[in-house]
Each structure stands twice: as structure tokens, then as C-alpha cells.
N, C-alpha and C. Protein backbone atom coordinates (compact mmCIF):
# COMPACT_ATOMS: atom_id res chain seq x y z
N MET A 1 5.80 -58.01 14.13
CA MET A 1 6.29 -57.03 13.20
C MET A 1 5.49 -55.73 13.31
N GLU A 2 4.20 -55.86 13.47
CA GLU A 2 3.35 -54.68 13.52
C GLU A 2 3.64 -53.81 14.74
N ALA A 3 4.05 -54.42 15.84
CA ALA A 3 4.31 -53.66 17.07
C ALA A 3 5.72 -53.06 17.10
N MET A 4 6.65 -53.63 16.37
CA MET A 4 8.05 -53.21 16.48
C MET A 4 8.29 -51.73 16.20
N PRO A 5 7.60 -51.09 15.29
CA PRO A 5 7.86 -49.65 15.09
C PRO A 5 7.42 -48.79 16.28
N ARG A 6 6.55 -49.33 17.13
CA ARG A 6 6.01 -48.52 18.22
C ARG A 6 6.50 -48.93 19.60
N ARG A 7 6.86 -50.19 19.77
CA ARG A 7 7.20 -50.71 21.10
C ARG A 7 8.38 -51.66 21.03
N PRO A 8 9.22 -51.68 22.06
CA PRO A 8 10.22 -52.74 22.13
C PRO A 8 9.50 -54.06 22.33
N CYS A 9 9.94 -55.11 21.68
CA CYS A 9 9.21 -56.37 21.66
C CYS A 9 9.95 -57.50 22.34
N VAL A 10 9.16 -58.38 22.95
CA VAL A 10 9.63 -59.64 23.52
C VAL A 10 8.86 -60.74 22.80
N ALA A 11 9.57 -61.75 22.35
CA ALA A 11 8.92 -62.86 21.64
C ALA A 11 9.67 -64.15 21.95
N THR A 12 9.06 -65.26 21.58
CA THR A 12 9.71 -66.55 21.78
C THR A 12 10.45 -66.97 20.52
N ARG A 13 11.44 -67.82 20.71
CA ARG A 13 12.23 -68.34 19.59
C ARG A 13 11.47 -69.48 18.92
N VAL A 14 10.46 -69.14 18.14
CA VAL A 14 9.68 -70.14 17.41
C VAL A 14 9.54 -69.71 15.96
N THR A 15 9.30 -70.66 15.10
CA THR A 15 9.11 -70.49 13.65
C THR A 15 10.03 -69.40 13.09
N GLY A 16 9.47 -68.38 12.47
CA GLY A 16 10.27 -67.36 11.81
C GLY A 16 10.61 -66.16 12.65
N VAL A 17 10.23 -66.16 13.91
CA VAL A 17 10.47 -64.99 14.76
C VAL A 17 11.95 -64.61 14.83
N PRO A 18 12.88 -65.54 15.00
CA PRO A 18 14.29 -65.15 15.04
C PRO A 18 14.81 -64.53 13.73
N GLU A 19 14.09 -64.75 12.64
CA GLU A 19 14.46 -64.08 11.39
C GLU A 19 14.09 -62.60 11.42
N LEU A 20 13.11 -62.26 12.23
CA LEU A 20 12.65 -60.88 12.36
C LEU A 20 13.36 -60.15 13.49
N ILE A 21 13.51 -60.80 14.62
CA ILE A 21 14.08 -60.15 15.80
C ILE A 21 15.45 -60.74 16.11
N GLU A 22 16.45 -59.88 16.12
CA GLU A 22 17.77 -60.29 16.57
C GLU A 22 17.84 -59.98 18.07
N ASP A 23 18.00 -61.01 18.87
CA ASP A 23 17.97 -60.88 20.32
C ASP A 23 18.97 -59.83 20.81
N GLY A 24 18.46 -58.88 21.58
CA GLY A 24 19.29 -57.85 22.16
C GLY A 24 19.55 -56.67 21.25
N ARG A 25 19.16 -56.78 20.00
CA ARG A 25 19.35 -55.67 19.06
C ARG A 25 18.03 -55.05 18.64
N ASP A 26 17.13 -55.88 18.11
CA ASP A 26 15.82 -55.41 17.62
C ASP A 26 14.70 -55.69 18.61
N GLY A 27 14.95 -56.52 19.59
CA GLY A 27 13.96 -56.95 20.57
C GLY A 27 14.61 -58.00 21.45
N LEU A 28 13.79 -58.67 22.23
CA LEU A 28 14.29 -59.71 23.12
C LEU A 28 13.62 -61.02 22.78
N LEU A 29 14.41 -62.08 22.71
CA LEU A 29 13.88 -63.42 22.45
C LEU A 29 14.07 -64.29 23.68
N VAL A 30 13.05 -65.08 23.97
CA VAL A 30 13.11 -66.01 25.10
C VAL A 30 12.73 -67.40 24.60
N PRO A 31 13.17 -68.43 25.31
CA PRO A 31 12.79 -69.79 24.91
C PRO A 31 11.28 -70.01 25.07
N PRO A 32 10.69 -70.85 24.24
CA PRO A 32 9.27 -71.16 24.39
C PRO A 32 9.00 -71.81 25.74
N ALA A 33 7.85 -71.51 26.30
CA ALA A 33 7.37 -72.10 27.56
C ALA A 33 8.29 -71.83 28.74
N ASP A 34 9.04 -70.72 28.70
CA ASP A 34 9.93 -70.36 29.81
C ASP A 34 9.41 -69.09 30.47
N SER A 35 8.47 -69.27 31.38
CA SER A 35 7.83 -68.12 32.05
C SER A 35 8.82 -67.23 32.78
N PRO A 36 9.80 -67.80 33.53
CA PRO A 36 10.77 -66.93 34.19
C PRO A 36 11.58 -66.07 33.21
N ALA A 37 11.95 -66.64 32.06
CA ALA A 37 12.69 -65.86 31.06
C ALA A 37 11.82 -64.76 30.48
N LEU A 38 10.55 -65.06 30.24
CA LEU A 38 9.63 -64.05 29.73
C LEU A 38 9.47 -62.92 30.74
N ALA A 39 9.28 -63.27 32.00
CA ALA A 39 9.13 -62.25 33.05
C ALA A 39 10.39 -61.39 33.15
N ALA A 40 11.55 -62.01 33.07
CA ALA A 40 12.81 -61.26 33.16
C ALA A 40 12.97 -60.31 31.97
N ALA A 41 12.57 -60.75 30.79
CA ALA A 41 12.67 -59.89 29.60
C ALA A 41 11.73 -58.70 29.71
N ILE A 42 10.52 -58.94 30.18
CA ILE A 42 9.56 -57.84 30.35
C ILE A 42 10.06 -56.88 31.40
N GLU A 43 10.59 -57.41 32.50
CA GLU A 43 11.14 -56.55 33.55
C GLU A 43 12.29 -55.70 33.01
N ARG A 44 13.14 -56.31 32.19
CA ARG A 44 14.26 -55.57 31.58
C ARG A 44 13.74 -54.38 30.79
N LEU A 45 12.68 -54.59 30.01
CA LEU A 45 12.12 -53.49 29.23
C LEU A 45 11.54 -52.41 30.12
N ILE A 46 10.90 -52.80 31.19
CA ILE A 46 10.30 -51.83 32.10
C ILE A 46 11.38 -50.99 32.78
N LEU A 47 12.46 -51.63 33.21
CA LEU A 47 13.50 -50.94 33.97
C LEU A 47 14.51 -50.21 33.08
N ASP A 48 14.57 -50.55 31.81
CA ASP A 48 15.54 -49.98 30.89
C ASP A 48 15.02 -48.65 30.36
N ARG A 49 15.22 -47.61 31.12
CA ARG A 49 14.70 -46.29 30.76
C ARG A 49 15.81 -45.28 30.68
N PRO A 50 15.50 -44.15 30.14
CA PRO A 50 15.28 -43.92 28.73
C PRO A 50 16.61 -43.83 27.99
N PRO A 51 16.71 -43.77 26.76
CA PRO A 51 15.77 -44.35 25.81
C PRO A 51 16.07 -45.83 25.59
N ASN A 52 15.14 -46.52 25.07
CA ASN A 52 15.35 -47.94 24.83
C ASN A 52 15.73 -48.14 23.37
N PRO A 53 16.97 -48.55 23.10
CA PRO A 53 17.40 -48.69 21.70
C PRO A 53 16.69 -49.83 20.96
N LEU A 54 16.09 -50.79 21.69
CA LEU A 54 15.39 -51.89 21.02
C LEU A 54 14.25 -51.37 20.15
N ARG A 55 13.52 -50.39 20.64
CA ARG A 55 12.41 -49.83 19.86
C ARG A 55 12.94 -49.15 18.61
N ARG A 56 13.96 -48.34 18.75
CA ARG A 56 14.53 -47.63 17.61
C ARG A 56 15.08 -48.62 16.58
N ASN A 57 15.81 -49.62 17.05
CA ASN A 57 16.38 -50.61 16.14
C ASN A 57 15.29 -51.47 15.48
N GLY A 58 14.28 -51.84 16.25
CA GLY A 58 13.17 -52.62 15.69
C GLY A 58 12.42 -51.85 14.62
N ARG A 59 12.19 -50.57 14.90
CA ARG A 59 11.50 -49.72 13.92
C ARG A 59 12.32 -49.64 12.63
N ALA A 60 13.62 -49.40 12.77
CA ALA A 60 14.48 -49.28 11.60
C ALA A 60 14.49 -50.58 10.80
N ARG A 61 14.53 -51.71 11.49
CA ARG A 61 14.57 -52.99 10.78
C ARG A 61 13.28 -53.25 9.99
N VAL A 62 12.14 -52.99 10.62
CA VAL A 62 10.87 -53.22 9.93
C VAL A 62 10.76 -52.33 8.70
N PHE A 63 11.10 -51.06 8.84
CA PHE A 63 10.97 -50.16 7.69
C PHE A 63 12.00 -50.46 6.60
N ALA A 64 13.16 -50.96 6.98
CA ALA A 64 14.19 -51.27 5.98
C ALA A 64 13.93 -52.60 5.27
N ASP A 65 13.53 -53.62 6.03
CA ASP A 65 13.44 -54.97 5.47
C ASP A 65 12.04 -55.42 5.10
N TYR A 66 11.02 -54.74 5.57
CA TYR A 66 9.65 -55.20 5.36
C TYR A 66 8.78 -54.08 4.81
N ASN A 67 9.28 -53.40 3.80
CA ASN A 67 8.58 -52.31 3.16
C ASN A 67 7.66 -52.88 2.09
N LEU A 68 6.37 -52.71 2.26
CA LEU A 68 5.39 -53.29 1.34
C LEU A 68 5.60 -52.84 -0.10
N LYS A 69 5.80 -51.55 -0.33
CA LYS A 69 5.98 -51.06 -1.69
C LYS A 69 7.24 -51.64 -2.33
N GLU A 70 8.33 -51.67 -1.56
CA GLU A 70 9.58 -52.21 -2.09
C GLU A 70 9.47 -53.70 -2.36
N ASN A 71 8.87 -54.43 -1.44
CA ASN A 71 8.70 -55.88 -1.64
C ASN A 71 7.82 -56.17 -2.86
N ALA A 72 6.77 -55.39 -3.05
CA ALA A 72 5.90 -55.59 -4.22
C ALA A 72 6.65 -55.28 -5.50
N ARG A 73 7.49 -54.24 -5.49
CA ARG A 73 8.28 -53.89 -6.66
C ARG A 73 9.23 -55.04 -7.02
N VAL A 74 9.90 -55.60 -6.02
CA VAL A 74 10.82 -56.71 -6.26
C VAL A 74 10.08 -57.92 -6.81
N LEU A 75 8.93 -58.23 -6.25
CA LEU A 75 8.16 -59.37 -6.73
C LEU A 75 7.67 -59.15 -8.16
N LYS A 76 7.32 -57.93 -8.46
CA LYS A 76 6.82 -57.62 -9.80
C LYS A 76 7.89 -57.80 -10.86
N THR A 77 9.13 -57.53 -10.53
CA THR A 77 10.21 -57.62 -11.51
C THR A 77 10.82 -59.01 -11.61
N THR A 78 10.41 -59.93 -10.75
CA THR A 78 10.99 -61.29 -10.82
C THR A 78 10.11 -62.23 -11.58
């Protein structure tokens, strides 16, 4: 989450990661322990120039859905 506003992200489909990253929209997801898939995803990011919409979409998602002040406000009122 911390990197998404600055960089397009590649992550594995484990625990809560798919709740944060929608594959192909906000970042790229690969199966756990699949080195060839990880390498292909990284290569895609390197070759996908310019601009890369994954970074823009990831940034928008983090700021829209994971805003500390807004989340604290919601928790305070519940």
C-alpha cells in the first residue's frame, strides 16, 4: 500500500493483497512461488512505457479507500 502512490506494484495473491490490488487495474498479481510469473510481471512494467496507468490507478485507490483521516472519522462515529 505504501508504494502504490509512487510506483506500479507487483504482488502475490496471498492474504489480503487481492483486496488491495485488482490485477491489471491497480497493479499486477502473480501466484505465490511462481518465479516465471513474477519475472514476466516485472518485465511488463519495465517495457510498458509511458505512461503506466497502474501507478495512477493504484495511487487513486490508496487515497480513495485508505485515507487515515477518513477511516478514523468513520471509526469514531461507530
